[in-house]
Amino acid sequence: MSTHSIPTRVTTDEADVLPLPAGRLSAQVLNTPGIEARWYRPPNPDPQAPHDRDEVYIVAAGTGEFVRGTASVNFAPGDLLFVAKGEVHRFENHTPDTAVWVVFGPGV
């Protein structure tokens, strides 16, 4: 894969207008053999199911609570949230403007 076809920068405004694939709530912004990045505006309630890869959320906008397993933490813009592969997680009680970058680690 040529690195020229991989974006160097994607803004939140650009991500907001990316199409959502059928059956998905997040838009893909990057996909390489090592990582995948997506743009996600979680609905309320957030219907997420555990994933088959580790993931990191980087909060771009909004505040609320992030539940991972039995733990719950408050989040705000600039926060980084980690979820291990297979863990139950979701955004709760979040503001309508909540938006996060999602970065998945290598596949299994």
N, C-alpha and C. Protein backbone atom coordinates (compact mmCIF):
# COMPACT_ATOMS: atom_id res chain seq x y z
N MET A 1 0.85 -1.19 0.00
CA MET A 1 0.00 0.00 0.00
C MET A 1 0.89 1.23 0.00
N SER A 2 0.56 2.13 -0.85
CA SER A 2 1.30 3.38 -0.92
C SER A 2 0.89 4.28 0.24
N THR A 3 1.88 4.87 0.90
CA THR A 3 1.56 5.80 1.97
C THR A 3 0.95 7.09 1.44
N HIS A 4 1.04 7.33 0.13
CA HIS A 4 0.45 8.53 -0.45
C HIS A 4 -1.08 8.48 -0.43
N SER A 5 -1.66 7.28 -0.38
CA SER A 5 -3.12 7.16 -0.35
C SER A 5 -3.67 7.24 1.08
N ILE A 6 -2.80 7.29 2.06
CA ILE A 6 -3.20 7.39 3.46
C ILE A 6 -3.18 8.87 3.85
N PRO A 7 -4.29 9.37 4.40
CA PRO A 7 -4.31 10.80 4.73
C PRO A 7 -3.30 11.14 5.82
N THR A 8 -2.68 12.30 5.68
CA THR A 8 -1.78 12.81 6.71
C THR A 8 -2.57 13.46 7.82
N ARG A 9 -3.69 14.08 7.45
CA ARG A 9 -4.51 14.81 8.42
C ARG A 9 -5.98 14.67 8.05
N VAL A 10 -6.83 14.46 9.04
CA VAL A 10 -8.28 14.49 8.86
C VAL A 10 -8.82 15.37 9.97
N THR A 11 -9.58 16.40 9.61
CA THR A 11 -10.14 17.29 10.62
C THR A 11 -11.49 16.75 11.10
N THR A 12 -11.93 17.26 12.25
CA THR A 12 -13.24 16.85 12.76
C THR A 12 -14.35 17.27 11.80
N ASP A 13 -14.21 18.42 11.16
CA ASP A 13 -15.21 18.85 10.18
C ASP A 13 -15.27 17.89 8.99
N GLU A 14 -14.11 17.44 8.53
CA GLU A 14 -14.08 16.47 7.42
C GLU A 14 -14.69 15.14 7.86
N ALA A 15 -14.37 14.71 9.07
CA ALA A 15 -14.87 13.44 9.57
C ALA A 15 -16.39 13.46 9.73
N ASP A 16 -16.93 14.61 10.12
CA ASP A 16 -18.38 14.72 10.32
C ASP A 16 -19.20 14.51 9.06
N VAL A 17 -18.60 14.70 7.89
CA VAL A 17 -19.36 14.53 6.65
C VAL A 17 -19.03 13.23 5.92
N LEU A 18 -18.20 12.38 6.51
CA LEU A 18 -17.92 11.09 5.91
C LEU A 18 -19.16 10.21 5.98
N PRO A 19 -19.39 9.41 4.95
CA PRO A 19 -20.56 8.53 4.97
C PRO A 19 -20.40 7.40 5.99
N LEU A 20 -21.51 7.01 6.56
CA LEU A 20 -21.51 5.86 7.47
C LEU A 20 -21.87 4.62 6.66
N PRO A 21 -21.01 3.60 6.68
CA PRO A 21 -21.34 2.38 5.95
C PRO A 21 -22.60 1.73 6.54
N ALA A 22 -23.31 0.98 5.73
CA ALA A 22 -24.51 0.29 6.18
C ALA A 22 -24.20 -0.55 7.42
N GLY A 23 -25.02 -0.40 8.44
CA GLY A 23 -24.86 -1.18 9.66
C GLY A 23 -23.78 -0.68 10.60
N ARG A 24 -23.14 0.46 10.31
CA ARG A 24 -22.08 1.00 11.16
C ARG A 24 -22.49 2.35 11.70
N LEU A 25 -22.01 2.67 12.91
CA LEU A 25 -22.27 3.98 13.52
C LEU A 25 -21.05 4.87 13.49
N SER A 26 -19.95 4.38 12.90
CA SER A 26 -18.73 5.18 12.81
C SER A 26 -18.21 5.17 11.38
N ALA A 27 -17.53 6.25 11.03
CA ALA A 27 -16.96 6.40 9.69
C ALA A 27 -15.47 6.08 9.73
N GLN A 28 -15.00 5.31 8.78
CA GLN A 28 -13.58 4.96 8.71
C GLN A 28 -12.79 6.14 8.14
N VAL A 29 -11.71 6.50 8.84
CA VAL A 29 -10.84 7.58 8.34
C VAL A 29 -9.46 7.07 7.95
N LEU A 30 -9.11 5.88 8.42
CA LEU A 30 -7.79 5.31 8.12
C LEU A 30 -7.87 3.80 8.30
N ASN A 31 -7.26 3.07 7.37
CA ASN A 31 -7.19 1.62 7.51
C ASN A 31 -5.89 1.13 6.89
N THR A 32 -5.00 0.65 7.73
CA THR A 32 -3.73 0.08 7.28
C THR A 32 -3.65 -1.32 7.88
N PRO A 33 -2.67 -2.12 7.49
CA PRO A 33 -2.56 -3.44 8.09
C PRO A 33 -2.33 -3.40 9.61
N GLY A 34 -1.85 -2.29 10.14
CA GLY A 34 -1.56 -2.23 11.57
C GLY A 34 -2.60 -1.54 12.43
N ILE A 35 -3.29 -0.54 11.87
CA ILE A 35 -4.27 0.20 12.66
C ILE A 35 -5.47 0.62 11.80
N GLU A 36 -6.56 0.84 12.49
CA GLU A 36 -7.75 1.39 11.86
C GLU A 36 -8.23 2.54 12.72
N ALA A 37 -8.57 3.67 12.10
CA ALA A 37 -9.10 4.82 12.83
C ALA A 37 -10.49 5.14 12.30
N ARG A 38 -11.38 5.49 13.23
CA ARG A 38 -12.76 5.80 12.88
C ARG A 38 -13.21 7.05 13.61
N TRP A 39 -14.28 7.67 13.16
CA TRP A 39 -14.91 8.83 13.77
C TRP A 39 -16.26 8.38 14.29
N TYR A 40 -16.52 8.62 15.57
CA TYR A 40 -17.74 8.08 16.20
C TYR A 40 -18.43 9.15 17.02
N ARG A 41 -19.71 9.34 16.74
CA ARG A 41 -20.58 10.19 17.55
C ARG A 41 -21.58 9.25 18.21
N PRO A 42 -21.31 8.84 19.45
CA PRO A 42 -22.16 7.80 20.05
C PRO A 42 -23.59 8.27 20.26
N PRO A 43 -24.55 7.41 19.89
CA PRO A 43 -25.93 7.72 20.19
C PRO A 43 -26.17 7.53 21.69
N ASN A 44 -27.33 7.94 22.14
CA ASN A 44 -27.67 7.78 23.55
C ASN A 44 -29.00 7.04 23.62
N PRO A 45 -29.04 5.77 24.00
CA PRO A 45 -27.93 5.01 24.58
C PRO A 45 -26.96 4.49 23.52
N ASP A 46 -25.75 4.24 23.97
CA ASP A 46 -24.67 3.74 23.12
C ASP A 46 -24.78 2.21 23.05
N PRO A 47 -25.02 1.65 21.85
CA PRO A 47 -25.26 0.20 21.74
C PRO A 47 -24.03 -0.67 21.53
N GLN A 48 -22.86 -0.21 21.90
CA GLN A 48 -21.64 -0.95 21.56
C GLN A 48 -21.61 -2.35 22.15
N ALA A 49 -20.94 -3.21 21.42
CA ALA A 49 -20.63 -4.57 21.86
C ALA A 49 -19.11 -4.69 21.92
N PRO A 50 -18.58 -5.63 22.69
CA PRO A 50 -17.12 -5.80 22.74
C PRO A 50 -16.54 -6.03 21.34
N HIS A 51 -15.32 -5.54 21.16
CA HIS A 51 -14.63 -5.67 19.88
C HIS A 51 -13.54 -6.74 19.95
N ASP A 52 -13.06 -7.15 18.78
CA ASP A 52 -12.03 -8.19 18.73
C ASP A 52 -10.61 -7.63 18.69
N ARG A 53 -10.47 -6.33 18.96
CA ARG A 53 -9.16 -5.68 19.01
C ARG A 53 -9.14 -4.67 20.15
N ASP A 54 -7.95 -4.40 20.69
CA ASP A 54 -7.80 -3.30 21.64
C ASP A 54 -8.18 -2.01 20.92
N GLU A 55 -8.67 -1.04 21.69
CA GLU A 55 -9.01 0.24 21.07
C GLU A 55 -8.75 1.39 22.02
N VAL A 56 -8.50 2.54 21.41
CA VAL A 56 -8.30 3.78 22.14
C VAL A 56 -9.29 4.79 21.59
N TYR A 57 -9.95 5.50 22.50
CA TYR A 57 -10.82 6.62 22.13
C TYR A 57 -10.11 7.90 22.51
N ILE A 58 -10.12 8.87 21.63
CA ILE A 58 -9.59 10.21 21.92
C ILE A 58 -10.79 11.16 21.81
N VAL A 59 -11.16 11.75 22.92
CA VAL A 59 -12.36 12.59 22.97
C VAL A 59 -12.08 13.92 22.29
N ALA A 60 -12.84 14.21 21.23
CA ALA A 60 -12.71 15.47 20.50
C ALA A 60 -13.70 16.51 21.01
N ALA A 61 -14.88 16.06 21.44
CA ALA A 61 -15.91 16.97 21.92
C ALA A 61 -16.85 16.24 22.86
N GLY A 62 -17.48 17.00 23.75
CA GLY A 62 -18.48 16.44 24.63
C GLY A 62 -17.94 16.01 25.97
N THR A 63 -18.87 15.77 26.87
CA THR A 63 -18.55 15.26 28.21
C THR A 63 -19.58 14.21 28.57
N GLY A 64 -19.24 13.39 29.54
CA GLY A 64 -20.16 12.35 29.99
C GLY A 64 -19.42 11.33 30.81
N GLU A 65 -19.96 10.11 30.79
CA GLU A 65 -19.35 9.00 31.52
C GLU A 65 -18.98 7.91 30.52
N PHE A 66 -17.84 7.26 30.77
CA PHE A 66 -17.42 6.13 29.96
C PHE A 66 -17.36 4.92 30.88
N VAL A 67 -18.08 3.88 30.49
CA VAL A 67 -18.14 2.65 31.28
C VAL A 67 -17.28 1.60 30.60
N ARG A 68 -16.40 1.00 31.37
CA ARG A 68 -15.54 -0.09 30.88
C ARG A 68 -15.62 -1.19 31.93
N GLY A 69 -16.25 -2.29 31.59
CA GLY A 69 -16.45 -3.35 32.58
C GLY A 69 -17.34 -2.82 33.69
N THR A 70 -16.84 -2.90 34.92
CA THR A 70 -17.61 -2.39 36.07
C THR A 70 -17.16 -1.00 36.49
N ALA A 71 -16.16 -0.44 35.80
CA ALA A 71 -15.64 0.89 36.14
C ALA A 71 -16.33 1.96 35.29
N SER A 72 -16.49 3.14 35.86
CA SER A 72 -17.05 4.28 35.14
C SER A 72 -16.20 5.50 35.44
N VAL A 73 -15.83 6.24 34.39
CA VAL A 73 -15.05 7.47 34.56
C VAL A 73 -15.73 8.59 33.79
N ASN A 74 -15.57 9.82 34.27
CA ASN A 74 -16.03 10.99 33.53
C ASN A 74 -15.02 11.28 32.42
N PHE A 75 -15.50 11.79 31.29
CA PHE A 75 -14.59 12.15 30.21
C PHE A 75 -14.89 13.56 29.72
N ALA A 76 -13.88 14.17 29.09
CA ALA A 76 -13.97 15.52 28.54
C ALA A 76 -13.03 15.59 27.34
N PRO A 77 -13.15 16.65 26.51
CA PRO A 77 -12.26 16.79 25.36
C PRO A 77 -10.79 16.71 25.75
N GLY A 78 -10.04 15.98 24.93
CA GLY A 78 -8.62 15.80 25.18
C GLY A 78 -8.29 14.51 25.90
N ASP A 79 -9.30 13.85 26.49
CA ASP A 79 -9.05 12.61 27.22
C ASP A 79 -8.80 11.45 26.27
N LEU A 80 -8.00 10.50 26.73
CA LEU A 80 -7.75 9.26 26.03
C LEU A 80 -8.35 8.14 26.88
N LEU A 81 -9.16 7.29 26.26
CA LEU A 81 -9.81 6.19 26.96
C LEU A 81 -9.37 4.88 26.32
N PHE A 82 -9.03 3.89 27.13
CA PHE A 82 -8.55 2.60 26.61
C PHE A 82 -9.54 1.49 26.92
N VAL A 83 -9.71 0.59 25.96
CA VAL A 83 -10.54 -0.60 26.13
C VAL A 83 -9.77 -1.80 25.57
N ALA A 84 -9.62 -2.83 26.38
CA ALA A 84 -8.96 -4.06 25.92
C ALA A 84 -9.94 -4.88 25.07
N LYS A 85 -9.39 -5.62 24.17
CA LYS A 85 -10.18 -6.51 23.31
C LYS A 85 -11.13 -7.34 24.18
N GLY A 86 -12.39 -7.42 23.75
CA GLY A 86 -13.37 -8.26 24.44
C GLY A 86 -14.07 -7.61 25.63
N GLU A 87 -13.65 -6.40 26.04
CA GLU A 87 -14.27 -5.75 27.20
C GLU A 87 -15.58 -5.06 26.84
N VAL A 88 -16.56 -5.17 27.73
CA VAL A 88 -17.81 -4.46 27.59
C VAL A 88 -17.53 -2.98 27.87
N HIS A 89 -18.06 -2.09 27.04
CA HIS A 89 -17.83 -0.66 27.22
C HIS A 89 -18.91 0.14 26.50
N ARG A 90 -19.10 1.41 26.96
CA ARG A 90 -20.08 2.27 26.33
C ARG A 90 -19.97 3.69 26.89
N PHE A 91 -20.51 4.62 26.13
CA PHE A 91 -20.62 6.01 26.58
C PHE A 91 -22.01 6.18 27.19
N GLU A 92 -22.08 6.85 28.35
CA GLU A 92 -23.36 7.06 29.03
C GLU A 92 -23.48 8.52 29.45
N ASN A 93 -24.74 8.98 29.56
CA ASN A 93 -25.03 10.32 30.07
C ASN A 93 -24.15 11.38 29.43
N HIS A 94 -23.95 11.27 28.14
CA HIS A 94 -23.06 12.21 27.45
C HIS A 94 -23.84 13.31 26.75
N THR A 95 -23.15 14.40 26.52
CA THR A 95 -23.75 15.54 25.84
C THR A 95 -23.97 15.21 24.36
N PRO A 96 -24.96 15.85 23.73
CA PRO A 96 -25.26 15.55 22.33
C PRO A 96 -24.11 15.81 21.36
N ASP A 97 -23.16 16.67 21.73
CA ASP A 97 -22.04 16.98 20.83
C ASP A 97 -20.87 16.00 20.95
N THR A 98 -21.02 14.95 21.76
CA THR A 98 -19.91 14.01 21.98
C THR A 98 -19.43 13.41 20.65
N ALA A 99 -18.12 13.47 20.45
CA ALA A 99 -17.47 12.91 19.26
C ALA A 99 -16.09 12.42 19.66
N VAL A 100 -15.73 11.25 19.16
CA VAL A 100 -14.44 10.65 19.51
C VAL A 100 -13.76 10.06 18.28
N TRP A 101 -12.44 10.13 18.30
CA TRP A 101 -11.63 9.36 17.36
C TRP A 101 -11.49 7.98 18.00
N VAL A 102 -11.62 6.94 17.21
CA VAL A 102 -11.46 5.56 17.68
C VAL A 102 -10.27 4.98 16.92
N VAL A 103 -9.30 4.46 17.64
CA VAL A 103 -8.14 3.83 17.01
C VAL A 103 -8.07 2.39 17.49
N PHE A 104 -8.21 1.46 16.52
CA PHE A 104 -8.12 0.04 16.82
C PHE A 104 -6.69 -0.44 16.58
N GLY A 105 -6.23 -1.31 17.44
CA GLY A 105 -4.91 -1.92 17.28
C GLY A 105 -4.96 -2.99 16.20
N PRO A 106 -3.83 -3.69 15.99
CA PRO A 106 -3.78 -4.74 14.98
C PRO A 106 -4.86 -5.80 15.21
N GLY A 107 -5.35 -6.36 14.11
CA GLY A 107 -6.36 -7.42 14.20
C GLY A 107 -5.80 -8.70 14.76
N VAL A 108 -6.70 -9.62 15.00
CA VAL A 108 -6.30 -10.90 15.59
C VAL A 108 -5.93 -11.89 14.53
